[in-house]
Amino acid sequence: MKQHTKNRRRHKFGRVQPVPRPWKRWEERYLGIRMDPEVARLIGRNPAAVAKHRRRLGIPAVRRRRAWTRAEDRLLEPCRIQPSGKG
């Protein structure tokens, strides 16, 4: 089925897809700095649309980093450099 036929049928039956609004520079500045769901909430867009636009621009995703546990910190204790106290 040709695209113009699909569009005509969608319009006839009330299933017209909204035209996405263009991205503004201030919206794109959040991409790659904050996580996609947070960006979507801040700028009022769908999280999937934010992820799609970020990937299209070639910007890597931000990953949440978890805090180190006490057990992990203790593993590093022998490697910790002590201040010399000389000055």
N, C-alpha and C. Protein backbone atom coordinates (compact mmCIF):
# COMPACT_ATOMS: atom_id res chain seq x y z
N MET A 1 0.85 -1.17 0.00
CA MET A 1 0.00 0.00 0.00
C MET A 1 0.89 1.24 0.00
N LYS A 2 0.56 2.21 -0.84
CA LYS A 2 1.36 3.42 -0.96
C LYS A 2 1.16 4.31 0.27
N GLN A 3 2.19 5.10 0.57
CA GLN A 3 2.16 5.95 1.77
C GLN A 3 1.02 6.95 1.73
N HIS A 4 0.76 7.57 0.58
CA HIS A 4 -0.31 8.58 0.54
C HIS A 4 -1.67 7.93 0.77
N THR A 5 -1.82 6.66 0.39
CA THR A 5 -3.08 5.94 0.65
C THR A 5 -3.23 5.69 2.15
N LYS A 6 -2.13 5.29 2.79
CA LYS A 6 -2.17 5.07 4.25
C LYS A 6 -2.52 6.37 4.98
N ASN A 7 -1.88 7.46 4.57
CA ASN A 7 -2.15 8.74 5.22
C ASN A 7 -3.60 9.17 5.04
N ARG A 8 -4.15 8.95 3.84
CA ARG A 8 -5.54 9.31 3.56
C ARG A 8 -6.48 8.50 4.44
N ARG A 9 -6.21 7.20 4.59
CA ARG A 9 -7.05 6.34 5.43
C ARG A 9 -6.94 6.74 6.91
N ARG A 10 -5.73 7.03 7.35
CA ARG A 10 -5.56 7.46 8.74
C ARG A 10 -6.36 8.73 9.01
N HIS A 11 -6.28 9.67 8.08
CA HIS A 11 -7.02 10.92 8.24
C HIS A 11 -8.53 10.67 8.23
N LYS A 12 -8.98 9.80 7.35
CA LYS A 12 -10.41 9.51 7.24
C LYS A 12 -10.96 8.89 8.53
N PHE A 13 -10.17 8.02 9.16
CA PHE A 13 -10.64 7.34 10.36
C PHE A 13 -10.15 7.99 11.65
N GLY A 14 -9.59 9.18 11.56
CA GLY A 14 -9.19 9.92 12.76
C GLY A 14 -7.95 9.40 13.44
N ARG A 15 -7.06 8.79 12.69
CA ARG A 15 -5.83 8.24 13.29
C ARG A 15 -4.62 8.96 12.73
N VAL A 16 -4.70 10.26 12.69
CA VAL A 16 -3.61 11.06 12.15
C VAL A 16 -2.49 11.14 13.18
N GLN A 17 -1.28 10.87 12.75
CA GLN A 17 -0.13 10.95 13.64
C GLN A 17 0.27 12.41 13.81
N PRO A 18 0.48 12.85 15.04
CA PRO A 18 0.90 14.24 15.22
C PRO A 18 2.32 14.45 14.70
N VAL A 19 2.56 15.61 14.14
CA VAL A 19 3.89 15.94 13.64
C VAL A 19 4.75 16.31 14.84
N PRO A 20 5.88 15.62 15.02
CA PRO A 20 6.72 15.96 16.17
C PRO A 20 7.30 17.36 16.05
N ARG A 21 7.33 18.05 17.17
CA ARG A 21 7.86 19.42 17.12
C ARG A 21 9.37 19.38 17.00
N PRO A 22 9.95 20.35 16.33
CA PRO A 22 11.40 20.36 16.15
C PRO A 22 12.13 20.51 17.48
N TRP A 23 13.34 19.97 17.53
CA TRP A 23 14.16 20.08 18.73
C TRP A 23 14.82 21.44 18.78
N LYS A 24 14.89 22.00 19.97
CA LYS A 24 15.56 23.28 20.17
C LYS A 24 16.94 23.01 20.76
N ARG A 25 17.84 23.96 20.57
CA ARG A 25 19.22 23.78 21.06
C ARG A 25 19.26 23.57 22.56
N TRP A 26 18.45 24.30 23.31
CA TRP A 26 18.50 24.17 24.78
C TRP A 26 18.03 22.79 25.21
N GLU A 27 17.14 22.16 24.42
CA GLU A 27 16.69 20.80 24.73
C GLU A 27 17.81 19.79 24.45
N GLU A 28 18.52 20.00 23.35
CA GLU A 28 19.59 19.08 22.98
C GLU A 28 20.79 19.15 23.92
N ARG A 29 20.93 20.26 24.62
CA ARG A 29 22.06 20.41 25.55
C ARG A 29 21.98 19.42 26.71
N TYR A 30 20.79 18.95 27.05
CA TYR A 30 20.63 17.98 28.13
C TYR A 30 21.06 16.57 27.72
N LEU A 31 21.07 16.30 26.41
CA LEU A 31 21.37 14.95 25.92
C LEU A 31 22.82 14.58 26.22
N GLY A 32 23.01 13.41 26.79
CA GLY A 32 24.35 12.95 27.13
C GLY A 32 24.86 13.47 28.45
N ILE A 33 24.12 14.38 29.08
CA ILE A 33 24.51 14.93 30.38
C ILE A 33 23.63 14.35 31.47
N ARG A 34 22.36 14.15 31.14
CA ARG A 34 21.40 13.58 32.09
C ARG A 34 20.80 12.32 31.46
N MET A 35 20.20 11.49 32.28
CA MET A 35 19.58 10.27 31.79
C MET A 35 18.33 10.60 30.96
N ASP A 36 18.03 9.76 29.97
CA ASP A 36 16.93 10.03 29.04
C ASP A 36 15.59 10.28 29.74
N PRO A 37 15.17 9.47 30.73
CA PRO A 37 13.88 9.75 31.37
C PRO A 37 13.84 11.11 32.07
N GLU A 38 14.97 11.52 32.63
CA GLU A 38 15.03 12.82 33.29
C GLU A 38 14.94 13.95 32.27
N VAL A 39 15.64 13.80 31.15
CA VAL A 39 15.58 14.79 30.07
C VAL A 39 14.14 14.89 29.56
N ALA A 40 13.50 13.75 29.36
CA ALA A 40 12.12 13.74 28.85
C ALA A 40 11.19 14.50 29.79
N ARG A 41 11.35 14.29 31.08
CA ARG A 41 10.51 14.97 32.05
C ARG A 41 10.77 16.48 32.04
N LEU A 42 12.03 16.88 31.92
CA LEU A 42 12.39 18.30 31.94
C LEU A 42 11.88 19.06 30.73
N ILE A 43 11.91 18.41 29.56
CA ILE A 43 11.55 19.12 28.33
C ILE A 43 10.16 18.77 27.81
N GLY A 44 9.48 17.84 28.49
CA GLY A 44 8.11 17.51 28.08
C GLY A 44 8.01 16.66 26.83
N ARG A 45 8.91 15.70 26.70
CA ARG A 45 8.87 14.78 25.57
C ARG A 45 8.83 13.34 26.06
N ASN A 46 8.53 12.43 25.17
CA ASN A 46 8.47 11.01 25.48
C ASN A 46 9.90 10.48 25.66
N PRO A 47 10.16 9.64 26.69
CA PRO A 47 11.51 9.10 26.87
C PRO A 47 12.05 8.36 25.65
N ALA A 48 11.19 7.65 24.93
CA ALA A 48 11.64 6.94 23.72
C ALA A 48 12.07 7.93 22.64
N ALA A 49 11.37 9.05 22.53
CA ALA A 49 11.74 10.07 21.54
C ALA A 49 13.08 10.71 21.90
N VAL A 50 13.31 10.90 23.18
CA VAL A 50 14.58 11.48 23.64
C VAL A 50 15.72 10.52 23.30
N ALA A 51 15.54 9.24 23.61
CA ALA A 51 16.58 8.24 23.32
C ALA A 51 16.85 8.15 21.82
N LYS A 52 15.80 8.16 21.03
CA LYS A 52 15.94 8.06 19.58
C LYS A 52 16.72 9.26 19.02
N HIS A 53 16.38 10.45 19.49
CA HIS A 53 17.06 11.67 19.01
C HIS A 53 18.52 11.67 19.45
N ARG A 54 18.80 11.24 20.69
CA ARG A 54 20.17 11.19 21.19
C ARG A 54 21.00 10.23 20.35
N ARG A 55 20.44 9.05 20.05
CA ARG A 55 21.16 8.08 19.22
C ARG A 55 21.39 8.61 17.81
N ARG A 56 20.39 9.31 17.27
CA ARG A 56 20.51 9.87 15.92
C ARG A 56 21.66 10.88 15.85
N LEU A 57 21.87 11.62 16.95
CA LEU A 57 22.96 12.59 17.00
C LEU A 57 24.30 11.96 17.35
N GLY A 58 24.30 10.66 17.70
CA GLY A 58 25.53 9.97 18.03
C GLY A 58 26.05 10.28 19.43
N ILE A 59 25.17 10.68 20.32
CA ILE A 59 25.55 11.01 21.69
C ILE A 59 25.38 9.76 22.56
N PRO A 60 26.41 9.36 23.29
CA PRO A 60 26.28 8.17 24.14
C PRO A 60 25.34 8.42 25.32
N ALA A 61 24.74 7.35 25.80
CA ALA A 61 23.81 7.45 26.93
C ALA A 61 24.57 7.65 28.23
N VAL A 62 23.91 8.33 29.16
CA VAL A 62 24.45 8.51 30.51
C VAL A 62 24.01 7.31 31.33
N ARG A 63 24.94 6.73 32.04
CA ARG A 63 24.61 5.56 32.87
C ARG A 63 24.70 5.96 34.33
N ARG A 64 23.75 5.50 35.08
CA ARG A 64 23.74 5.77 36.51
C ARG A 64 24.84 4.96 37.18
N ARG A 65 25.61 5.61 38.01
CA ARG A 65 26.67 4.92 38.73
C ARG A 65 26.22 4.70 40.17
N ARG A 66 26.43 3.50 40.64
CA ARG A 66 26.04 3.22 42.02
C ARG A 66 27.19 3.53 42.95
N ALA A 67 26.87 3.82 44.19
CA ALA A 67 27.89 4.10 45.18
C ALA A 67 28.61 2.80 45.56
N TRP A 68 29.86 2.92 45.96
CA TRP A 68 30.62 1.76 46.39
C TRP A 68 30.10 1.30 47.75
N THR A 69 30.11 -0.01 47.95
CA THR A 69 29.71 -0.54 49.25
C THR A 69 30.90 -0.48 50.21
N ARG A 70 30.64 -0.63 51.50
CA ARG A 70 31.73 -0.64 52.48
C ARG A 70 32.69 -1.80 52.23
N ALA A 71 32.14 -2.93 51.83
CA ALA A 71 32.99 -4.10 51.54
C ALA A 71 33.93 -3.79 50.37
N GLU A 72 33.44 -3.11 49.36
CA GLU A 72 34.29 -2.75 48.23
C GLU A 72 35.35 -1.73 48.65
N ASP A 73 34.96 -0.78 49.50
CA ASP A 73 35.93 0.19 50.01
C ASP A 73 37.04 -0.50 50.79
N ARG A 74 36.67 -1.50 51.60
CA ARG A 74 37.66 -2.21 52.40
C ARG A 74 38.66 -2.96 51.54
N LEU A 75 38.23 -3.42 50.38
CA LEU A 75 39.15 -4.10 49.47
C LEU A 75 40.28 -3.18 49.02
N LEU A 76 40.00 -1.89 48.99
CA LEU A 76 41.00 -0.93 48.53
C LEU A 76 41.89 -0.40 49.65
N GLU A 77 41.59 -0.70 50.89
CA GLU A 77 42.36 -0.18 52.02
C GLU A 77 43.86 -0.41 51.88
N PRO A 78 44.34 -1.60 51.51
CA PRO A 78 45.80 -1.79 51.40
C PRO A 78 46.44 -0.91 50.33
N CYS A 79 45.67 -0.44 49.37
CA CYS A 79 46.22 0.36 48.28
C CYS A 79 46.19 1.85 48.57
N ARG A 80 45.53 2.25 49.63
CA ARG A 80 45.37 3.67 49.93
C ARG A 80 46.72 4.31 50.25
N ILE A 81 46.99 5.44 49.69
CA ILE A 81 48.23 6.17 49.93
C ILE A 81 48.03 7.06 51.15
N GLN A 82 48.94 6.93 52.11
CA GLN A 82 48.86 7.73 53.33
C GLN A 82 49.61 9.04 53.10
N PRO A 83 49.03 10.16 53.60
CA PRO A 83 49.76 11.43 53.47
C PRO A 83 51.06 11.38 54.28
N SER A 84 52.10 11.98 53.74
CA SER A 84 53.41 11.90 54.38
C SER A 84 53.53 12.84 55.58
N GLY A 85 52.76 13.89 55.62
CA GLY A 85 52.82 14.82 56.73
C GLY A 85 53.97 15.81 56.60
N LYS A 86 54.75 15.70 55.55
CA LYS A 86 55.85 16.63 55.34
C LYS A 86 55.33 17.80 54.50
N GLY A 87 55.78 18.97 54.79
CA GLY A 87 55.27 20.10 54.03
C GLY A 87 56.13 21.20 53.96
